[in-house]
Amino acid sequence: MTIDTIEELRAELRECVFTPAKRKALERELAELIRQRNEALAEEEGA
């Protein structure tokens, strides 16, 4: 997981037209990546 992946998904959601189902899937994927990033950051701060 990288910040680039998160930014790419955000750009796709902002600039592209998707079916409602595909948009929802991408939004779930983005939310999961952000959750993982935040979890990793919290672990680093606690270390």
PDB file of N, CA and C in Angstrom:
ATOM      1  N   MET A   1       0.848  -1.174   0.000  1.00  0.00           N
ATOM      2  CA  MET A   1       0.000   0.000   0.000  1.00  0.00           C
ATOM      3  C   MET A   1       0.891   1.233   0.000  1.00  0.00           C
ATOM      4  N   THR A   2       0.545   2.154  -0.850  1.00  0.00           N
ATOM      5  CA  THR A   2       1.299   3.396  -0.886  1.00  0.00           C
ATOM      6  C   THR A   2       0.342   4.577  -0.936  1.00  0.00           C
ATOM      7  N   ILE A   3       0.896   5.717  -0.617  1.00  0.00           N
ATOM      8  CA  ILE A   3       0.123   6.953  -0.716  1.00  0.00           C
ATOM      9  C   ILE A   3      -0.277   7.171  -2.171  1.00  0.00           C
ATOM     10  N   ASP A   4       0.594   6.782  -3.104  1.00  0.00           N
ATOM     11  CA  ASP A   4       0.283   6.940  -4.529  1.00  0.00           C
ATOM     12  C   ASP A   4      -0.987   6.187  -4.913  1.00  0.00           C
ATOM     13  N   THR A   5      -1.171   4.996  -4.385  1.00  0.00           N
ATOM     14  CA  THR A   5      -2.366   4.212  -4.683  1.00  0.00           C
ATOM     15  C   THR A   5      -3.608   4.937  -4.189  1.00  0.00           C
ATOM     16  N   ILE A   6      -3.533   5.490  -2.996  1.00  0.00           N
ATOM     17  CA  ILE A   6      -4.661   6.233  -2.443  1.00  0.00           C
ATOM     18  C   ILE A   6      -4.961   7.440  -3.318  1.00  0.00           C
ATOM     19  N   GLU A   7      -3.927   8.167  -3.708  1.00  0.00           N
ATOM     20  CA  GLU A   7      -4.130   9.353  -4.544  1.00  0.00           C
ATOM     21  C   GLU A   7      -4.667   8.993  -5.926  1.00  0.00           C
ATOM     22  N   GLU A   8      -4.212   7.876  -6.484  1.00  0.00           N
ATOM     23  CA  GLU A   8      -4.714   7.428  -7.788  1.00  0.00           C
ATOM     24  C   GLU A   8      -6.207   7.101  -7.713  1.00  0.00           C
ATOM     25  N   LEU A   9      -6.614   6.406  -6.672  1.00  0.00           N
ATOM     26  CA  LEU A   9      -8.032   6.079  -6.505  1.00  0.00           C
ATOM     27  C   LEU A   9      -8.871   7.338  -6.329  1.00  0.00           C
ATOM     28  N   ARG A  10      -8.366   8.285  -5.544  1.00  0.00           N
ATOM     29  CA  ARG A  10      -9.092   9.542  -5.358  1.00  0.00           C
ATOM     30  C   ARG A  10      -9.267  10.261  -6.699  1.00  0.00           C
ATOM     31  N   ALA A  11      -8.198  10.299  -7.500  1.00  0.00           N
ATOM     32  CA  ALA A  11      -8.261  10.974  -8.797  1.00  0.00           C
ATOM     33  C   ALA A  11      -9.247  10.268  -9.724  1.00  0.00           C
ATOM     34  N   GLU A  12      -9.220   8.947  -9.738  1.00  0.00           N
ATOM     35  CA  GLU A  12     -10.155   8.193 -10.583  1.00  0.00           C
ATOM     36  C   GLU A  12     -11.598   8.496 -10.187  1.00  0.00           C
ATOM     37  N   LEU A  13     -11.871   8.487  -8.901  1.00  0.00           N
ATOM     38  CA  LEU A  13     -13.232   8.749  -8.430  1.00  0.00           C
ATOM     39  C   LEU A  13     -13.670  10.168  -8.766  1.00  0.00           C
ATOM     40  N   ARG A  14     -12.724  11.085  -8.749  1.00  0.00           N
ATOM     41  CA  ARG A  14     -13.029  12.486  -9.034  1.00  0.00           C
ATOM     42  C   ARG A  14     -13.253  12.722 -10.528  1.00  0.00           C
ATOM     43  N   GLU A  15     -12.472  12.052 -11.385  1.00  0.00           N
ATOM     44  CA  GLU A  15     -12.421  12.398 -12.799  1.00  0.00           C
ATOM     45  C   GLU A  15     -13.124  11.426 -13.746  1.00  0.00           C
ATOM     46  N   CYS A  16     -13.463  10.252 -13.275  1.00  0.00           N
ATOM     47  CA  CYS A  16     -14.002   9.233 -14.172  1.00  0.00           C
ATOM     48  C   CYS A  16     -15.484   8.953 -13.878  1.00  0.00           C
ATOM     49  N   VAL A  17     -16.141   8.422 -14.890  1.00  0.00           N
ATOM     50  CA  VAL A  17     -17.542   8.029 -14.746  1.00  0.00           C
ATOM     51  C   VAL A  17     -17.578   6.513 -14.561  1.00  0.00           C
ATOM     52  N   PHE A  18     -18.209   6.075 -13.485  1.00  0.00           N
ATOM     53  CA  PHE A  18     -18.321   4.657 -13.185  1.00  0.00           C
ATOM     54  C   PHE A  18     -19.790   4.301 -12.996  1.00  0.00           C
ATOM     55  N   THR A  19     -20.074   3.022 -13.164  1.00  0.00           N
ATOM     56  CA  THR A  19     -21.400   2.553 -12.795  1.00  0.00           C
ATOM     57  C   THR A  19     -21.516   2.708 -11.275  1.00  0.00           C
ATOM     58  N   PRO A  20     -22.729   2.806 -10.764  1.00  0.00           N
ATOM     59  CA  PRO A  20     -22.876   2.938  -9.310  1.00  0.00           C
ATOM     60  C   PRO A  20     -22.193   1.800  -8.543  1.00  0.00           C
ATOM     61  N   ALA A  21     -22.281   0.587  -9.056  1.00  0.00           N
ATOM     62  CA  ALA A  21     -21.670  -0.558  -8.374  1.00  0.00           C
ATOM     63  C   ALA A  21     -20.144  -0.438  -8.363  1.00  0.00           C
ATOM     64  N   LYS A  22     -19.560  -0.062  -9.484  1.00  0.00           N
ATOM     65  CA  LYS A  22     -18.101   0.083  -9.577  1.00  0.00           C
ATOM     66  C   LYS A  22     -17.629   1.229  -8.686  1.00  0.00           C
ATOM     67  N   ARG A  23     -18.354   2.343  -8.666  1.00  0.00           N
ATOM     68  CA  ARG A  23     -17.987   3.484  -7.814  1.00  0.00           C
ATOM     69  C   ARG A  23     -18.007   3.061  -6.348  1.00  0.00           C
ATOM     70  N   LYS A  24     -19.038   2.330  -5.948  1.00  0.00           N
ATOM     71  CA  LYS A  24     -19.146   1.877  -4.559  1.00  0.00           C
ATOM     72  C   LYS A  24     -17.982   0.949  -4.204  1.00  0.00           C
ATOM     73  N   ALA A  25     -17.613   0.068  -5.122  1.00  0.00           N
ATOM     74  CA  ALA A  25     -16.484  -0.839  -4.885  1.00  0.00           C
ATOM     75  C   ALA A  25     -15.179  -0.054  -4.733  1.00  0.00           C
ATOM     76  N   LEU A  26     -14.977   0.943  -5.581  1.00  0.00           N
ATOM     77  CA  LEU A  26     -13.766   1.758  -5.484  1.00  0.00           C
ATOM     78  C   LEU A  26     -13.756   2.578  -4.199  1.00  0.00           C
ATOM     79  N   GLU A  27     -14.898   3.074  -3.795  1.00  0.00           N
ATOM     80  CA  GLU A  27     -14.984   3.824  -2.537  1.00  0.00           C
ATOM     81  C   GLU A  27     -14.662   2.930  -1.346  1.00  0.00           C
ATOM     82  N   ARG A  28     -15.128   1.675  -1.386  1.00  0.00           N
ATOM     83  CA  ARG A  28     -14.800   0.724  -0.307  1.00  0.00           C
ATOM     84  C   ARG A  28     -13.305   0.438  -0.292  1.00  0.00           C
ATOM     85  N   GLU A  29     -12.725   0.242  -1.479  1.00  0.00           N
ATOM     86  CA  GLU A  29     -11.288  -0.027  -1.574  1.00  0.00           C
ATOM     87  C   GLU A  29     -10.494   1.163  -1.023  1.00  0.00           C
ATOM     88  N   LEU A  30     -10.889   2.369  -1.395  1.00  0.00           N
ATOM     89  CA  LEU A  30     -10.214   3.567  -0.906  1.00  0.00           C
ATOM     90  C   LEU A  30     -10.323   3.665   0.617  1.00  0.00           C
ATOM     91  N   ALA A  31     -11.500   3.441   1.148  1.00  0.00           N
ATOM     92  CA  ALA A  31     -11.700   3.508   2.597  1.00  0.00           C
ATOM     93  C   ALA A  31     -10.828   2.484   3.317  1.00  0.00           C
ATOM     94  N   GLU A  32     -10.704   1.292   2.762  1.00  0.00           N
ATOM     95  CA  GLU A  32      -9.871   0.252   3.376  1.00  0.00           C
ATOM     96  C   GLU A  32      -8.394   0.648   3.339  1.00  0.00           C
ATOM     97  N   LEU A  33      -7.931   1.195   2.238  1.00  0.00           N
ATOM     98  CA  LEU A  33      -6.537   1.633   2.146  1.00  0.00           C
ATOM     99  C   LEU A  33      -6.248   2.751   3.142  1.00  0.00           C
ATOM    100  N   ILE A  34      -7.173   3.672   3.282  1.00  0.00           N
ATOM    101  CA  ILE A  34      -6.991   4.760   4.243  1.00  0.00           C
ATOM    102  C   ILE A  34      -6.975   4.213   5.659  1.00  0.00           C
ATOM    103  N   ARG A  35      -7.839   3.244   5.945  1.00  0.00           N
ATOM    104  CA  ARG A  35      -7.863   2.625   7.274  1.00  0.00           C
ATOM    105  C   ARG A  35      -6.522   1.954   7.574  1.00  0.00           C
ATOM    106  N   GLN A  36      -5.994   1.211   6.588  1.00  0.00           N
ATOM    107  CA  GLN A  36      -4.710   0.535   6.766  1.00  0.00           C
ATOM    108  C   GLN A  36      -3.577   1.533   6.975  1.00  0.00           C
ATOM    109  N   ARG A  37      -3.604   2.624   6.212  1.00  0.00           N
ATOM    110  CA  ARG A  37      -2.577   3.659   6.363  1.00  0.00           C
ATOM    111  C   ARG A  37      -2.639   4.270   7.754  1.00  0.00           C
ATOM    112  N   ASN A  38      -3.848   4.596   8.199  1.00  0.00           N
ATOM    113  CA  ASN A  38      -4.002   5.209   9.516  1.00  0.00           C
ATOM    114  C   ASN A  38      -3.574   4.259  10.627  1.00  0.00           C
ATOM    115  N   GLU A  39      -3.870   2.990  10.461  1.00  0.00           N
ATOM    116  CA  GLU A  39      -3.472   1.985  11.447  1.00  0.00           C
ATOM    117  C   GLU A  39      -1.943   1.900  11.522  1.00  0.00           C
ATOM    118  N   ALA A  40      -1.285   1.885  10.356  1.00  0.00           N
ATOM    119  CA  ALA A  40       0.176   1.812  10.313  1.00  0.00           C
ATOM    120  C   ALA A  40       0.796   3.059  10.948  1.00  0.00           C
ATOM    121  N   LEU A  41       0.208   4.217  10.684  1.00  0.00           N
ATOM    122  CA  LEU A  41       0.722   5.450  11.282  1.00  0.00           C
ATOM    123  C   LEU A  41       0.564   5.434  12.799  1.00  0.00           C
ATOM    124  N   ALA A  42      -0.558   4.937  13.274  1.00  0.00           N
ATOM    125  CA  ALA A  42      -0.800   4.862  14.717  1.00  0.00           C
ATOM    126  C   ALA A  42       0.198   3.917  15.374  1.00  0.00           C
ATOM    127  N   GLU A  43       0.511   2.821  14.718  1.00  0.00           N
ATOM    128  CA  GLU A  43       1.491   1.877  15.263  1.00  0.00           C
ATOM    129  C   GLU A  43       2.868   2.510  15.330  1.00  0.00           C
ATOM    130  N   GLU A  44       3.232   3.277  14.306  1.00  0.00           N
ATOM    131  CA  GLU A  44       4.530   3.958  14.290  1.00  0.00           C
ATOM    132  C   GLU A  44       4.614   4.974  15.422  1.00  0.00           C
ATOM    133  N   GLU A  45       3.553   5.698  15.655  1.00  0.00           N
ATOM    134  CA  GLU A  45       3.549   6.704  16.716  1.00  0.00           C
ATOM    135  C   GLU A  45       3.627   6.062  18.089  1.00  0.00           C
ATOM    136  N   GLY A  46       3.058   4.878  18.218  1.00  0.00           N
ATOM    137  CA  GLY A  46       3.074   4.172  19.497  1.00  0.00           C
ATOM    138  C   GLY A  46       4.385   3.460  19.762  1.00  0.00           C
ATOM    139  N   ALA A  47       5.201   3.286  18.751  1.00  0.00           N
ATOM    140  CA  ALA A  47       6.465   2.545  18.905  1.00  0.00           C
ATOM    141  C   ALA A  47       7.522   3.360  19.593  1.00  0.00           C
TER     142      ALA A  47
END
